[in-house]
Amino acid sequence: MVKGWKFVGEVKRGRKECLAIKCIVAVPDLKEAKAIASKKLIGADEITATELSRAQIKALYLKEGDVRLTSPKCP
């Protein structure tokens, strides 16, 4: 059962190196989660979404409705 979503936005244009921003949204509804993530990842050239389970959300110490931003390295 999906409990949340992880979105990774990559910004490539005008940069020597890729810039990535990861947005974890603890909302089970994909449409609602996309709306929240799109406001956080403005300007991203590409956004990918991945389902997160209840256990993964719990391991990140998030509760329903929480949003967390981080900056992982680009592939």
N, C-alpha and C. Protein backbone atom coordinates (compact mmCIF):
# COMPACT_ATOMS: atom_id res chain seq x y z
N MET A 1 0.84 -1.19 0.00
CA MET A 1 0.00 0.00 0.00
C MET A 1 0.88 1.24 0.00
N VAL A 2 0.58 2.16 -0.88
CA VAL A 2 1.36 3.40 -1.00
C VAL A 2 0.99 4.34 0.14
N LYS A 3 2.00 4.86 0.79
CA LYS A 3 1.80 5.80 1.88
C LYS A 3 2.34 7.17 1.53
N GLY A 4 3.26 7.23 0.53
CA GLY A 4 3.86 8.50 0.15
C GLY A 4 4.58 8.38 -1.18
N TRP A 5 5.18 9.49 -1.58
CA TRP A 5 5.84 9.56 -2.88
C TRP A 5 7.16 10.29 -2.76
N LYS A 6 8.15 9.83 -3.56
CA LYS A 6 9.43 10.52 -3.66
C LYS A 6 9.53 11.07 -5.07
N PHE A 7 9.76 12.36 -5.18
CA PHE A 7 9.94 13.02 -6.47
C PHE A 7 11.36 13.53 -6.55
N VAL A 8 12.01 13.30 -7.69
CA VAL A 8 13.36 13.81 -7.92
C VAL A 8 13.30 14.72 -9.12
N GLY A 9 13.63 16.00 -8.90
CA GLY A 9 13.67 16.98 -9.97
C GLY A 9 15.10 17.27 -10.36
N GLU A 10 15.40 17.19 -11.65
CA GLU A 10 16.76 17.45 -12.14
C GLU A 10 16.77 18.70 -13.00
N VAL A 11 17.73 19.58 -12.70
CA VAL A 11 17.91 20.80 -13.48
C VAL A 11 19.24 20.66 -14.21
N LYS A 12 19.18 20.66 -15.55
CA LYS A 12 20.38 20.45 -16.36
C LYS A 12 20.75 21.68 -17.19
N ARG A 13 19.77 22.42 -17.65
CA ARG A 13 20.04 23.52 -18.59
C ARG A 13 20.87 24.63 -17.92
N GLY A 14 21.83 25.11 -18.69
CA GLY A 14 22.67 26.22 -18.24
C GLY A 14 23.65 25.85 -17.14
N ARG A 15 23.90 24.58 -16.91
CA ARG A 15 24.79 24.14 -15.84
C ARG A 15 25.82 23.16 -16.39
N LYS A 16 27.01 23.20 -15.84
CA LYS A 16 28.02 22.22 -16.19
C LYS A 16 27.68 20.87 -15.57
N GLU A 17 27.20 20.90 -14.32
CA GLU A 17 26.81 19.68 -13.63
C GLU A 17 25.32 19.72 -13.33
N CYS A 18 24.74 18.56 -13.29
CA CYS A 18 23.31 18.42 -13.00
C CYS A 18 23.05 18.79 -11.54
N LEU A 19 21.94 19.45 -11.30
CA LEU A 19 21.48 19.76 -9.94
C LEU A 19 20.21 18.97 -9.70
N ALA A 20 20.18 18.21 -8.62
CA ALA A 20 18.99 17.40 -8.31
C ALA A 20 18.43 17.81 -6.96
N ILE A 21 17.12 17.80 -6.87
CA ILE A 21 16.43 18.07 -5.61
C ILE A 21 15.42 16.96 -5.40
N LYS A 22 15.47 16.35 -4.23
CA LYS A 22 14.55 15.26 -3.89
C LYS A 22 13.49 15.80 -2.95
N CYS A 23 12.24 15.51 -3.28
CA CYS A 23 11.11 15.96 -2.48
C CYS A 23 10.29 14.74 -2.08
N ILE A 24 10.21 14.48 -0.78
CA ILE A 24 9.42 13.36 -0.28
C ILE A 24 8.14 13.92 0.28
N VAL A 25 7.01 13.42 -0.22
CA VAL A 25 5.69 13.90 0.17
C VAL A 25 4.94 12.73 0.81
N ALA A 26 4.59 12.88 2.08
CA ALA A 26 3.90 11.81 2.81
C ALA A 26 2.39 11.96 2.65
N VAL A 27 1.94 11.82 1.41
CA VAL A 27 0.52 11.88 1.06
C VAL A 27 0.25 10.71 0.13
N PRO A 28 -0.73 9.85 0.43
CA PRO A 28 -0.96 8.67 -0.40
C PRO A 28 -1.52 8.96 -1.80
N ASP A 29 -2.25 10.04 -1.97
CA ASP A 29 -2.88 10.37 -3.25
C ASP A 29 -1.85 10.98 -4.20
N LEU A 30 -1.61 10.32 -5.35
CA LEU A 30 -0.60 10.77 -6.30
C LEU A 30 -0.90 12.16 -6.84
N LYS A 31 -2.14 12.43 -7.18
CA LYS A 31 -2.50 13.73 -7.74
C LYS A 31 -2.20 14.87 -6.76
N GLU A 32 -2.55 14.68 -5.51
CA GLU A 32 -2.29 15.69 -4.47
C GLU A 32 -0.78 15.83 -4.23
N ALA A 33 -0.08 14.69 -4.19
CA ALA A 33 1.36 14.72 -3.97
C ALA A 33 2.09 15.43 -5.12
N LYS A 34 1.64 15.19 -6.37
CA LYS A 34 2.25 15.87 -7.52
C LYS A 34 2.07 17.38 -7.43
N ALA A 35 0.90 17.82 -6.99
CA ALA A 35 0.63 19.25 -6.86
C ALA A 35 1.57 19.89 -5.84
N ILE A 36 1.80 19.20 -4.74
CA ILE A 36 2.70 19.72 -3.70
C ILE A 36 4.13 19.74 -4.21
N ALA A 37 4.57 18.63 -4.83
CA ALA A 37 5.96 18.53 -5.31
C ALA A 37 6.25 19.52 -6.43
N SER A 38 5.28 19.75 -7.31
CA SER A 38 5.53 20.68 -8.42
C SER A 38 5.76 22.10 -7.93
N LYS A 39 5.18 22.46 -6.80
CA LYS A 39 5.42 23.79 -6.22
C LYS A 39 6.82 23.87 -5.61
N LYS A 40 7.34 22.75 -5.14
CA LYS A 40 8.68 22.71 -4.52
C LYS A 40 9.78 22.56 -5.55
N LEU A 41 9.47 21.94 -6.69
CA LEU A 41 10.49 21.64 -7.70
C LEU A 41 10.35 22.53 -8.94
N ILE A 42 9.99 23.77 -8.74
CA ILE A 42 9.81 24.71 -9.85
C ILE A 42 11.13 24.85 -10.61
N GLY A 43 11.07 24.78 -11.93
CA GLY A 43 12.25 24.95 -12.77
C GLY A 43 12.97 23.65 -13.11
N ALA A 44 12.50 22.54 -12.60
CA ALA A 44 13.14 21.25 -12.91
C ALA A 44 12.85 20.86 -14.36
N ASP A 45 13.87 20.38 -15.05
CA ASP A 45 13.71 19.93 -16.43
C ASP A 45 13.01 18.58 -16.49
N GLU A 46 13.24 17.76 -15.49
CA GLU A 46 12.68 16.41 -15.46
C GLU A 46 12.33 16.06 -14.02
N ILE A 47 11.14 15.51 -13.81
CA ILE A 47 10.71 15.08 -12.48
C ILE A 47 10.26 13.62 -12.57
N THR A 48 10.83 12.79 -11.71
CA THR A 48 10.42 11.39 -11.67
C THR A 48 9.78 11.10 -10.32
N ALA A 49 8.79 10.21 -10.32
CA ALA A 49 8.07 9.87 -9.09
C ALA A 49 8.28 8.39 -8.76
N THR A 50 8.41 8.11 -7.47
CA THR A 50 8.56 6.74 -6.98
C THR A 50 7.64 6.55 -5.77
N GLU A 51 6.95 5.41 -5.74
CA GLU A 51 6.09 5.10 -4.59
C GLU A 51 6.94 4.79 -3.37
N LEU A 52 6.45 5.19 -2.21
CA LEU A 52 7.08 4.84 -0.95
C LEU A 52 6.07 4.10 -0.08
N SER A 53 6.53 3.06 0.58
CA SER A 53 5.64 2.27 1.43
C SER A 53 5.50 2.94 2.80
N ARG A 54 4.57 2.42 3.57
CA ARG A 54 4.36 2.91 4.93
C ARG A 54 5.64 2.76 5.76
N ALA A 55 6.35 1.64 5.58
CA ALA A 55 7.59 1.40 6.33
C ALA A 55 8.69 2.40 5.96
N GLN A 56 8.78 2.73 4.67
CA GLN A 56 9.79 3.70 4.23
C GLN A 56 9.50 5.09 4.79
N ILE A 57 8.24 5.48 4.81
CA ILE A 57 7.86 6.78 5.37
C ILE A 57 8.15 6.81 6.87
N LYS A 58 7.83 5.72 7.54
CA LYS A 58 8.06 5.63 8.98
C LYS A 58 9.56 5.70 9.30
N ALA A 59 10.39 5.06 8.46
CA ALA A 59 11.84 5.07 8.65
C ALA A 59 12.42 6.48 8.51
N LEU A 60 11.74 7.33 7.75
CA LEU A 60 12.19 8.72 7.57
C LEU A 60 11.61 9.65 8.63
N TYR A 61 10.87 9.08 9.58
CA TYR A 61 10.24 9.84 10.66
C TYR A 61 9.31 10.93 10.13
N LEU A 62 8.52 10.57 9.12
CA LEU A 62 7.54 11.49 8.56
C LEU A 62 6.14 11.03 8.95
N LYS A 63 5.25 11.99 9.11
CA LYS A 63 3.85 11.65 9.34
C LYS A 63 3.05 12.18 8.15
N GLU A 64 1.82 11.73 8.01
CA GLU A 64 1.02 12.11 6.85
C GLU A 64 0.94 13.62 6.71
N GLY A 65 1.20 14.09 5.49
CA GLY A 65 1.16 15.51 5.18
C GLY A 65 2.52 16.20 5.22
N ASP A 66 3.54 15.54 5.76
CA ASP A 66 4.88 16.13 5.83
C ASP A 66 5.54 16.16 4.45
N VAL A 67 6.42 17.13 4.26
CA VAL A 67 7.19 17.27 3.02
C VAL A 67 8.65 17.50 3.42
N ARG A 68 9.56 16.77 2.78
CA ARG A 68 10.99 16.93 3.08
C ARG A 68 11.75 17.12 1.77
N LEU A 69 12.65 18.12 1.75
CA LEU A 69 13.49 18.40 0.58
C LEU A 69 14.93 18.06 0.92
N THR A 70 15.62 17.40 -0.01
CA THR A 70 17.05 17.14 0.11
C THR A 70 17.69 17.31 -1.26
N SER A 71 19.00 17.30 -1.30
CA SER A 71 19.70 17.49 -2.56
C SER A 71 20.67 16.35 -2.83
N PRO A 72 20.20 15.26 -3.44
CA PRO A 72 21.09 14.14 -3.78
C PRO A 72 21.93 14.48 -5.01
N LYS A 73 22.94 13.68 -5.27
CA LYS A 73 23.75 13.87 -6.48
C LYS A 73 22.99 13.32 -7.68
N CYS A 74 23.22 13.93 -8.84
CA CYS A 74 22.59 13.45 -10.08
C CYS A 74 23.32 12.20 -10.56
N PRO A 75 22.60 11.34 -11.27
CA PRO A 75 23.24 10.14 -11.83
C PRO A 75 24.19 10.49 -12.95
